[in-house]
PDB file of N, CA and C in Angstrom:
ATOM      1  N   MET A   1     -89.862 127.964-164.013  1.00  0.00           N
ATOM      2  CA  MET A   1     -88.638 128.576-163.557  1.00  0.00           C
ATOM      3  C   MET A   1     -88.875 130.008-163.093  1.00  0.00           C
ATOM      4  N   GLU A   2     -89.727 130.731-163.822  1.00  0.00           N
ATOM      5  CA  GLU A   2     -90.026 132.107-163.445  1.00  0.00           C
ATOM      6  C   GLU A   2     -90.693 132.159-162.070  1.00  0.00           C
ATOM      7  N   THR A   3     -91.596 131.208-161.830  1.00  0.00           N
ATOM      8  CA  THR A   3     -92.303 131.169-160.556  1.00  0.00           C
ATOM      9  C   THR A   3     -91.328 130.948-159.410  1.00  0.00           C
ATOM     10  N   LEU A   4     -90.350 130.099-159.619  1.00  0.00           N
ATOM     11  CA  LEU A   4     -89.355 129.823-158.579  1.00  0.00           C
ATOM     12  C   LEU A   4     -88.568 131.087-158.234  1.00  0.00           C
ATOM     13  N   GLY A   5     -88.211 131.869-159.237  1.00  0.00           N
ATOM     14  CA  GLY A   5     -87.487 133.124-158.999  1.00  0.00           C
ATOM     15  C   GLY A   5     -88.308 134.111-158.195  1.00  0.00           C
ATOM     16  N   ILE A   6     -89.579 134.228-158.530  1.00  0.00           N
ATOM     17  CA  ILE A   6     -90.463 135.139-157.796  1.00  0.00           C
ATOM     18  C   ILE A   6     -90.651 134.640-156.368  1.00  0.00           C
ATOM     19  N   GLU A   7     -90.844 133.332-156.213  1.00  0.00           N
ATOM     20  CA  GLU A   7     -91.004 132.761-154.870  1.00  0.00           C
ATOM     21  C   GLU A   7     -89.754 132.985-154.026  1.00  0.00           C
ATOM     22  N   TRP A   8     -88.583 132.878-154.643  1.00  0.00           N
ATOM     23  CA  TRP A   8     -87.317 133.103-153.939  1.00  0.00           C
ATOM     24  C   TRP A   8     -87.252 134.538-153.404  1.00  0.00           C
ATOM     25  N   ILE A   9     -87.593 135.497-154.241  1.00  0.00           N
ATOM     26  CA  ILE A   9     -87.556 136.899-153.825  1.00  0.00           C
ATOM     27  C   ILE A   9     -88.578 137.153-152.713  1.00  0.00           C
ATOM     28  N   VAL A  10     -89.766 136.586-152.836  1.00  0.00           N
ATOM     29  CA  VAL A  10     -90.787 136.754-151.797  1.00  0.00           C
ATOM     30  C   VAL A  10     -90.308 136.136-150.483  1.00  0.00           C
ATOM     31  N   PHE A  11     -89.766 134.917-150.552  1.00  0.00           N
ATOM     32  CA  PHE A  11     -89.274 134.242-149.348  1.00  0.00           C
ATOM     33  C   PHE A  11     -88.179 135.054-148.659  1.00  0.00           C
ATOM     34  N   LEU A  12     -87.181 135.480-149.430  1.00  0.00           N
ATOM     35  CA  LEU A  12     -86.083 136.239-148.819  1.00  0.00           C
ATOM     36  C   LEU A  12     -86.533 137.616-148.347  1.00  0.00           C
ATOM     37  N   SER A  13     -87.510 138.200-149.011  1.00  0.00           N
ATOM     38  CA  SER A  13     -88.021 139.497-148.571  1.00  0.00           C
ATOM     39  C   SER A  13     -88.734 139.367-147.223  1.00  0.00           C
ATOM     40  N   ILE A  14     -89.507 138.316-147.070  1.00  0.00           N
ATOM     41  CA  ILE A  14     -90.176 138.086-145.779  1.00  0.00           C
ATOM     42  C   ILE A  14     -89.132 137.828-144.695  1.00  0.00           C
ATOM     43  N   TRP A  15     -88.141 137.028-145.017  1.00  0.00           N
ATOM     44  CA  TRP A  15     -87.065 136.717-144.075  1.00  0.00           C
ATOM     45  C   TRP A  15     -86.305 137.988-143.678  1.00  0.00           C
ATOM     46  N   ALA A  16     -85.983 138.828-144.662  1.00  0.00           N
ATOM     47  CA  ALA A  16     -85.259 140.075-144.393  1.00  0.00           C
ATOM     48  C   ALA A  16     -86.104 141.023-143.543  1.00  0.00           C
ATOM     49  N   PHE A  17     -87.401 141.114-143.830  1.00  0.00           N
ATOM     50  CA  PHE A  17     -88.301 141.979-143.061  1.00  0.00           C
ATOM     51  C   PHE A  17     -88.326 141.540-141.597  1.00  0.00           C
ATOM     52  N   ILE A  18     -88.512 140.245-141.381  1.00  0.00           N
ATOM     53  CA  ILE A  18     -88.548 139.719-140.013  1.00  0.00           C
ATOM     54  C   ILE A  18     -87.202 139.936-139.323  1.00  0.00           C
ATOM     55  N   THR A  19     -86.129 139.735-140.041  1.00  0.00           N
ATOM     56  CA  THR A  19     -84.792 139.916-139.470  1.00  0.00           C
ATOM     57  C   THR A  19     -84.554 141.366-139.072  1.00  0.00           C
ATOM     58  N   MET A  20     -85.019 142.305-139.868  1.00  0.00           N
ATOM     59  CA  MET A  20     -84.878 143.724-139.507  1.00  0.00           C
ATOM     60  C   MET A  20     -85.649 144.026-138.217  1.00  0.00           C
ATOM     61  N   GLY A  21     -86.856 143.479-138.088  1.00  0.00           N
ATOM     62  CA  GLY A  21     -87.630 143.674-136.863  1.00  0.00           C
ATOM     63  C   GLY A  21     -86.959 143.036-135.665  1.00  0.00           C
ATOM     64  N   TYR A  22     -86.425 141.844-135.846  1.00  0.00           N
ATOM     65  CA  TYR A  22     -85.731 141.147-134.765  1.00  0.00           C
ATOM     66  C   TYR A  22     -84.497 141.935-134.320  1.00  0.00           C
ATOM     67  N   ASP A  23     -83.718 142.421-135.289  1.00  0.00           N
ATOM     68  CA  ASP A  23     -82.508 143.165-134.953  1.00  0.00           C
ATOM     69  C   ASP A  23     -82.841 144.461-134.224  1.00  0.00           C
ATOM     70  N   LYS A  24     -83.907 145.122-134.642  1.00  0.00           N
ATOM     71  CA  LYS A  24     -84.332 146.347-133.951  1.00  0.00           C
ATOM     72  C   LYS A  24     -84.717 146.031-132.512  1.00  0.00           C
ATOM     73  N   ARG A  25     -85.459 144.944-132.310  1.00  0.00           N
ATOM     74  CA  ARG A  25     -85.852 144.559-130.952  1.00  0.00           C
ATOM     75  C   ARG A  25     -84.630 144.230-130.100  1.00  0.00           C
ATOM     76  N   GLN A  26     -83.690 143.520-130.680  1.00  0.00           N
ATOM     77  CA  GLN A  26     -82.466 143.190-129.953  1.00  0.00           C
ATOM     78  C   GLN A  26     -81.664 144.449-129.621  1.00  0.00           C
ATOM     79  N   ALA A  27     -81.666 145.412-130.517  1.00  0.00           N
ATOM     80  CA  ALA A  27     -80.955 146.666-130.269  1.00  0.00           C
ATOM     81  C   ALA A  27     -81.574 147.410-129.086  1.00  0.00           C
ATOM     82  N   LYS A  28     -82.897 147.446-129.039  1.00  0.00           N
ATOM     83  CA  LYS A  28     -83.578 148.119-127.926  1.00  0.00           C
ATOM     84  C   LYS A  28     -83.291 147.435-126.601  1.00  0.00           C
ATOM     85  N   ARG A  29     -83.172 146.114-126.633  1.00  0.00           N
ATOM     86  CA  ARG A  29     -82.928 145.352-125.403  1.00  0.00           C
ATOM     87  C   ARG A  29     -81.447 145.231-125.064  1.00  0.00           C
ATOM     88  N   LYS A  30     -80.600 145.784-125.936  1.00  0.00           N
ATOM     89  CA  LYS A  30     -79.146 145.710-125.765  1.00  0.00           C
ATOM     90  C   LYS A  30     -78.664 144.264-125.659  1.00  0.00           C
ATOM     91  N   LYS A  31     -79.162 143.441-126.561  1.00  0.00           N
ATOM     92  CA  LYS A  31     -78.795 142.026-126.602  1.00  0.00           C
ATOM     93  C   LYS A  31     -78.060 141.724-127.904  1.00  0.00           C
ATOM     94  N   SER A  32     -77.752 140.453-128.103  1.00  0.00           N
ATOM     95  CA  SER A  32     -77.015 140.009-129.280  1.00  0.00           C
ATOM     96  C   SER A  32     -77.746 140.422-130.558  1.00  0.00           C
ATOM     97  N   ARG A  33     -76.991 140.978-131.523  1.00  0.00           N
ATOM     98  CA  ARG A  33     -77.575 141.550-132.722  1.00  0.00           C
ATOM     99  C   ARG A  33     -77.270 140.724-133.963  1.00  0.00           C
ATOM    100  N   VAL A  34     -78.006 140.998-135.018  1.00  0.00           N
ATOM    101  CA  VAL A  34     -77.740 140.426-136.337  1.00  0.00           C
ATOM    102  C   VAL A  34     -76.648 141.291-136.966  1.00  0.00           C
ATOM    103  N   SER A  35     -75.639 140.654-137.534  1.00  0.00           N
ATOM    104  CA  SER A  35     -74.548 141.434-138.116  1.00  0.00           C
ATOM    105  C   SER A  35     -75.032 142.185-139.362  1.00  0.00           C
ATOM    106  N   GLU A  36     -74.405 143.330-139.612  1.00  0.00           N
ATOM    107  CA  GLU A  36     -74.748 144.102-140.804  1.00  0.00           C
ATOM    108  C   GLU A  36     -74.456 143.291-142.061  1.00  0.00           C
ATOM    109  N   LYS A  37     -73.420 142.467-142.004  1.00  0.00           N
ATOM    110  CA  LYS A  37     -73.079 141.607-143.140  1.00  0.00           C
ATOM    111  C   LYS A  37     -74.251 140.694-143.489  1.00  0.00           C
ATOM    112  N   ASN A  38     -74.885 140.100-142.480  1.00  0.00           N
ATOM    113  CA  ASN A  38     -76.027 139.211-142.740  1.00  0.00           C
ATOM    114  C   ASN A  38     -77.226 139.980-143.277  1.00  0.00           C
ATOM    115  N   LEU A  39     -77.448 141.194-142.803  1.00  0.00           N
ATOM    116  CA  LEU A  39     -78.544 142.013-143.340  1.00  0.00           C
ATOM    117  C   LEU A  39     -78.299 142.306-144.818  1.00  0.00           C
ATOM    118  N   TRP A  40     -77.064 142.655-145.151  1.00  0.00           N
ATOM    119  CA  TRP A  40     -76.730 142.924-146.546  1.00  0.00           C
ATOM    120  C   TRP A  40     -76.859 141.678-147.412  1.00  0.00           C
ATOM    121  N   LEU A  41     -76.408 140.533-146.902  1.00  0.00           N
ATOM    122  CA  LEU A  41     -76.507 139.299-147.689  1.00  0.00           C
ATOM    123  C   LEU A  41     -77.959 138.957-148.001  1.00  0.00           C
ATOM    124  N   LEU A  42     -78.835 139.104-147.017  1.00  0.00           N
ATOM    125  CA  LEU A  42     -80.258 138.848-147.263  1.00  0.00           C
ATOM    126  C   LEU A  42     -80.785 139.764-148.356  1.00  0.00           C
ATOM    127  N   ALA A  43     -80.423 141.039-148.283  1.00  0.00           N
ATOM    128  CA  ALA A  43     -80.907 142.014-149.262  1.00  0.00           C
ATOM    129  C   ALA A  43     -80.324 141.749-150.647  1.00  0.00           C
ATOM    130  N   ILE A  44     -79.050 141.431-150.709  1.00  0.00           N
ATOM    131  CA  ILE A  44     -78.379 141.229-152.002  1.00  0.00           C
ATOM    132  C   ILE A  44     -78.903 139.993-152.728  1.00  0.00           C
ATOM    133  N   PHE A  45     -79.186 138.940-151.992  1.00  0.00           N
ATOM    134  CA  PHE A  45     -79.599 137.684-152.635  1.00  0.00           C
ATOM    135  C   PHE A  45     -81.098 137.584-152.887  1.00  0.00           C
ATOM    136  N   GLY A  46     -81.815 138.695-152.809  1.00  0.00           N
ATOM    137  CA  GLY A  46     -83.217 138.693-153.190  1.00  0.00           C
ATOM    138  C   GLY A  46     -84.164 139.284-152.173  1.00  0.00           C
ATOM    139  N   GLY A  47     -83.685 139.654-151.009  1.00  0.00           N
ATOM    140  CA  GLY A  47     -84.562 140.193-149.970  1.00  0.00           C
ATOM    141  C   GLY A  47     -84.569 141.702-149.874  1.00  0.00           C
ATOM    142  N   GLY A  48     -84.201 142.372-150.940  1.00  0.00           N
ATOM    143  CA  GLY A  48     -84.116 143.836-150.926  1.00  0.00           C
ATOM    144  C   GLY A  48     -85.427 144.527-150.590  1.00  0.00           C
ATOM    145  N   ILE A  49     -86.528 143.999-151.098  1.00  0.00           N
ATOM    146  CA  ILE A  49     -87.836 144.608-150.842  1.00  0.00           C
ATOM    147  C   ILE A  49     -88.169 144.512-149.357  1.00  0.00           C
ATOM    148  N   GLY A  50     -88.019 143.338-148.783  1.00  0.00           N
ATOM    149  CA  GLY A  50     -88.312 143.158-147.365  1.00  0.00           C
ATOM    150  C   GLY A  50     -87.364 143.928-146.473  1.00  0.00           C
ATOM    151  N   ALA A  51     -86.086 143.982-146.849  1.00  0.00           N
ATOM    152  CA  ALA A  51     -85.112 144.725-146.057  1.00  0.00           C
ATOM    153  C   ALA A  51     -85.450 146.211-146.059  1.00  0.00           C
ATOM    154  N   TYR A  52     -85.804 146.739-147.223  1.00  0.00           N
ATOM    155  CA  TYR A  52     -86.135 148.164-147.305  1.00  0.00           C
ATOM    156  C   TYR A  52     -87.400 148.479-146.509  1.00  0.00           C
ATOM    157  N   PHE A  53     -88.454 147.684-146.683  1.00  0.00           N
ATOM    158  CA  PHE A  53     -89.681 147.949-145.939  1.00  0.00           C
ATOM    159  C   PHE A  53     -89.508 147.695-144.450  1.00  0.00           C
ATOM    160  N   GLY A  54     -88.694 146.704-144.091  1.00  0.00           N
ATOM    161  CA  GLY A  54     -88.395 146.475-142.684  1.00  0.00           C
ATOM    162  C   GLY A  54     -87.666 147.651-142.069  1.00  0.00           C
ATOM    163  N   MET A  55     -86.746 148.218-142.818  1.00  0.00           N
ATOM    164  CA  MET A  55     -86.023 149.391-142.346  1.00  0.00           C
ATOM    165  C   MET A  55     -86.987 150.548-142.091  1.00  0.00           C
ATOM    166  N   GLN A  56     -87.948 150.728-142.991  1.00  0.00           N
ATOM    167  CA  GLN A  56     -88.911 151.829-142.843  1.00  0.00           C
ATOM    168  C   GLN A  56     -89.913 151.568-141.715  1.00  0.00           C
ATOM    169  N   VAL A  57     -90.478 150.374-141.670  1.00  0.00           N
ATOM    170  CA  VAL A  57     -91.503 150.043-140.678  1.00  0.00           C
ATOM    171  C   VAL A  57     -90.935 150.074-139.258  1.00  0.00           C
ATOM    172  N   PHE A  58     -89.756 149.462-139.082  1.00  0.00           N
ATOM    173  CA  PHE A  58     -89.178 149.372-137.746  1.00  0.00           C
ATOM    174  C   PHE A  58     -88.263 150.558-137.422  1.00  0.00           C
ATOM    175  N   ARG A  59     -88.118 151.484-138.402  1.00  0.00           N
ATOM    176  CA  ARG A  59     -87.243 152.641-138.235  1.00  0.00           C
ATOM    177  C   ARG A  59     -85.864 152.193-137.754  1.00  0.00           C
ATOM    178  N   HIS A  60     -85.320 151.241-138.493  1.00  0.00           N
ATOM    179  CA  HIS A  60     -84.049 150.614-138.130  1.00  0.00           C
ATOM    180  C   HIS A  60     -83.025 150.851-139.226  1.00  0.00           C
ATOM    181  N   LYS A  61     -81.876 151.355-138.868  1.00  0.00           N
ATOM    182  CA  LYS A  61     -80.770 151.655-139.777  1.00  0.00           C
ATOM    183  C   LYS A  61     -81.097 152.817-140.708  1.00  0.00           C
ATOM    184  N   THR A  62     -82.091 153.621-140.374  1.00  0.00           N
ATOM    185  CA  THR A  62     -82.494 154.721-141.250  1.00  0.00           C
ATOM    186  C   THR A  62     -81.511 155.883-141.230  1.00  0.00           C
ATOM    187  N   LEU A  63     -80.647 155.952-140.251  1.00  0.00           N
ATOM    188  CA  LEU A  63     -79.651 157.020-140.200  1.00  0.00           C
ATOM    189  C   LEU A  63     -78.387 156.665-140.983  1.00  0.00           C
ATOM    190  N   HIS A  64     -78.280 155.419-141.415  1.00  0.00           N
ATOM    191  CA  HIS A  64     -77.126 154.964-142.198  1.00  0.00           C
ATOM    192  C   HIS A  64     -77.429 155.168-143.684  1.00  0.00           C
ATOM    193  N   THR A  65     -76.736 156.092-144.303  1.00  0.00           N
ATOM    194  CA  THR A  65     -76.976 156.395-145.716  1.00  0.00           C
ATOM    195  C   THR A  65     -76.768 155.169-146.596  1.00  0.00           C
ATOM    196  N   THR A  66     -75.757 154.367-146.282  1.00  0.00           N
ATOM    197  CA  THR A  66     -75.506 153.189-147.124  1.00  0.00           C
ATOM    198  C   THR A  66     -76.688 152.224-147.089  1.00  0.00           C
ATOM    199  N   PHE A  67     -77.327 152.082-145.944  1.00  0.00           N
ATOM    200  CA  PHE A  67     -78.496 151.211-145.856  1.00  0.00           C
ATOM    201  C   PHE A  67     -79.683 151.832-146.589  1.00  0.00           C
ATOM    202  N   ARG A  68     -79.919 153.123-146.374  1.00  0.00           N
ATOM    203  CA  ARG A  68     -81.065 153.774-147.024  1.00  0.00           C
ATOM    204  C   ARG A  68     -80.968 153.660-148.541  1.00  0.00           C
ATOM    205  N   VAL A  69     -79.828 154.029-149.072  1.00  0.00           N
ATOM    206  CA  VAL A  69     -79.659 154.032-150.526  1.00  0.00           C
ATOM    207  C   VAL A  69     -79.502 152.611-151.062  1.00  0.00           C
ATOM    208  N   GLY A  70     -78.671 151.819-150.402  1.00  0.00           N
ATOM    209  CA  GLY A  70     -78.408 150.460-150.870  1.00  0.00           C
ATOM    210  C   GLY A  70     -79.639 149.578-150.864  1.00  0.00           C
ATOM    211  N   PHE A  71     -80.385 149.596-149.764  1.00  0.00           N
ATOM    212  CA  PHE A  71     -81.582 148.768-149.690  1.00  0.00           C
ATOM    213  C   PHE A  71     -82.642 149.241-150.685  1.00  0.00           C
ATOM    214  N   LEU A  72     -82.729 150.546-150.906  1.00  0.00           N
ATOM    215  CA  LEU A  72     -83.680 151.065-151.895  1.00  0.00           C
ATOM    216  C   LEU A  72     -83.300 150.577-153.295  1.00  0.00           C
ATOM    217  N   MET A  73     -82.020 150.662-153.639  1.00  0.00           N
ATOM    218  CA  MET A  73     -81.571 150.206-154.961  1.00  0.00           C
ATOM    219  C   MET A  73     -81.801 148.704-155.139  1.00  0.00           C
ATOM    220  N   LEU A  74     -81.515 147.932-154.103  1.00  0.00           N
ATOM    221  CA  LEU A  74     -81.743 146.484-154.184  1.00  0.00           C
ATOM    222  C   LEU A  74     -83.231 146.168-154.287  1.00  0.00           C
ATOM    223  N   ALA A  75     -84.066 146.925-153.573  1.00  0.00           N
ATOM    224  CA  ALA A  75     -85.515 146.717-153.657  1.00  0.00           C
ATOM    225  C   ALA A  75     -86.014 147.016-155.072  1.00  0.00           C
ATOM    226  N   LEU A  76     -85.546 148.107-155.646  1.00  0.00           N
ATOM    227  CA  LEU A  76     -85.951 148.450-157.012  1.00  0.00           C
ATOM    228  C   LEU A  76     -85.489 147.389-158.006  1.00  0.00           C
ATOM    229  N   MET A  77     -84.279 146.891-157.807  1.00  0.00           N
ATOM    230  CA  MET A  77     -83.775 145.836-158.681  1.00  0.00           C
ATOM    231  C   MET A  77     -84.633 144.575-158.552  1.00  0.00           C
ATOM    232  N   ASP A  78     -85.029 144.226-157.331  1.00  0.00           N
ATOM    233  CA  ASP A  78     -85.884 143.055-157.129  1.00  0.00           C
ATOM    234  C   ASP A  78     -87.246 143.242-157.799  1.00  0.00           C
ATOM    235  N   VAL A  79     -87.783 144.445-157.743  1.00  0.00           N
ATOM    236  CA  VAL A  79     -89.073 144.719-158.401  1.00  0.00           C
ATOM    237  C   VAL A  79     -88.930 144.536-159.912  1.00  0.00           C
ATOM    238  N   VAL A  80     -87.855 145.043-160.479  1.00  0.00           N
ATOM    239  CA  VAL A  80     -87.628 144.886-161.921  1.00  0.00           C
ATOM    240  C   VAL A  80     -87.503 143.410-162.275  1.00  0.00           C
ATOM    241  N   ILE A  81     -86.790 142.640-161.468  1.00  0.00           N
ATOM    242  CA  ILE A  81     -86.640 141.201-161.723  1.00  0.00           C
ATOM    243  C   ILE A  81     -87.993 140.501-161.652  1.00  0.00           C
ATOM    244  N   ILE A  82     -88.797 140.829-160.648  1.00  0.00           N
ATOM    245  CA  ILE A  82     -90.134 140.232-160.525  1.00  0.00           C
ATOM    246  C   ILE A  82     -90.978 140.555-161.753  1.00  0.00           C
ATOM    247  N   LEU A  83     -90.967 141.816-162.176  1.00  0.00           N
ATOM    248  CA  LEU A  83     -91.747 142.207-163.357  1.00  0.00           C
ATOM    249  C   LEU A  83     -91.260 141.474-164.599  1.00  0.00           C
ATOM    250  N   TYR A  84     -89.964 141.337-164.727  1.00  0.00           N
ATOM    251  CA  TYR A  84     -89.398 140.621-165.873  1.00  0.00           C
ATOM    252  C   TYR A  84     -89.819 139.156-165.850  1.00  0.00           C
ATOM    253  N   LEU A  85     -89.696 138.516-164.688  1.00  0.00           N
ATOM    254  CA  LEU A  85     -90.072 137.107-164.572  1.00  0.00           C
ATOM    255  C   LEU A  85     -91.573 136.900-164.765  1.00  0.00           C
ATOM    256  N   ALA A  86     -92.358 137.914-164.430  1.00  0.00           N
ATOM    257  CA  ALA A  86     -93.806 137.820-164.593  1.00  0.00           C
ATOM    258  C   ALA A  86     -94.232 138.046-166.044  1.00  0.00           C
ATOM    259  N   GLY A  87     -93.282 138.432-166.884  1.00  0.00           N
ATOM    260  CA  GLY A  87     -93.612 138.570-168.300  1.00  0.00           C
ATOM    261  C   GLY A  87     -93.678 139.985-168.816  1.00  0.00           C
ATOM    262  N   LEU A  88     -93.521 140.968-167.958  1.00  0.00           N
ATOM    263  CA  LEU A  88     -93.538 142.358-168.410  1.00  0.00           C
ATOM    264  C   LEU A  88     -92.191 142.672-169.038  1.00  0.00           C
ATOM    265  N   ARG A  89     -92.209 143.055-170.285  1.00  0.00           N
ATOM    266  CA  ARG A  89     -90.968 143.362-170.992  1.00  0.00           C
ATOM    267  C   ARG A  89     -90.848 144.869-171.183  1.00  0.00           C
ATOM    268  N   MET A  90     -89.806 145.410-170.605  1.00  0.00           N
ATOM    269  CA  MET A  90     -89.514 146.835-170.744  1.00  0.00           C
ATOM    270  C   MET A  90     -88.319 146.969-171.683  1.00  0.00           C
ATOM    271  N   PRO A  91     -88.323 147.938-172.582  1.00  0.00           N
ATOM    272  CA  PRO A  91     -87.242 148.046-173.570  1.00  0.00           C
ATOM    273  C   PRO A  91     -85.846 148.092-172.942  1.00  0.00           C
ATOM    274  N   VAL A  92     -85.660 148.847-171.910  1.00  0.00           N
ATOM    275  CA  VAL A  92     -84.334 148.978-171.297  1.00  0.00           C
ATOM    276  C   VAL A  92     -83.914 147.660-170.672  1.00  0.00           C
ATOM    277  N   VAL A  93     -84.822 146.993-169.969  1.00  0.00           N
ATOM    278  CA  VAL A  93     -84.497 145.723-169.301  1.00  0.00           C
ATOM    279  C   VAL A  93     -84.244 144.635-170.336  1.00  0.00           C
ATOM    280  N   THR A  94     -85.022 144.609-171.400  1.00  0.00           N
ATOM    281  CA  THR A  94     -84.853 143.601-172.450  1.00  0.00           C
ATOM    282  C   THR A  94     -83.467 143.714-173.075  1.00  0.00           C
ATOM    283  N   GLN A  95     -82.960 144.923-173.244  1.00  0.00           N
ATOM    284  CA  GLN A  95     -81.637 145.108-173.813  1.00  0.00           C
ATOM    285  C   GLN A  95     -80.551 144.601-172.883  1.00  0.00           C
ATOM    286  N   LEU A  96     -80.784 144.670-171.572  1.00  0.00           N
ATOM    287  CA  LEU A  96     -79.796 144.210-170.597  1.00  0.00           C
ATOM    288  C   LEU A  96     -79.679 142.697-170.583  1.00  0.00           C
ATOM    289  N   PHE A  97     -80.786 142.012-170.827  1.00  0.00           N
ATOM    290  CA  PHE A  97     -80.790 140.545-170.757  1.00  0.00           C
ATOM    291  C   PHE A  97     -80.785 140.007-172.152  1.00  0.00           C
TER     292      PHE A  97
END
């Protein structure tokens, strides 16, 4: 079960990263874009790491404070979940679960 959770986060992170790159390319070409709602959904449901790194690599949505802070917080939360699922027990996280 733990492996499935980690795989889910990795899958959605890759998907979010690619989606951020695609949306940036579409923005440059002035073509149909990915909605901000879909970017947030990818990040919220486990793709926070990929969304944050995609934002940094493609320099996309970096002027939006909500994206900078929100994607960073979601990425950190995903890292904590991965560490927890991998067996690393931190006192603060153990108390939460």
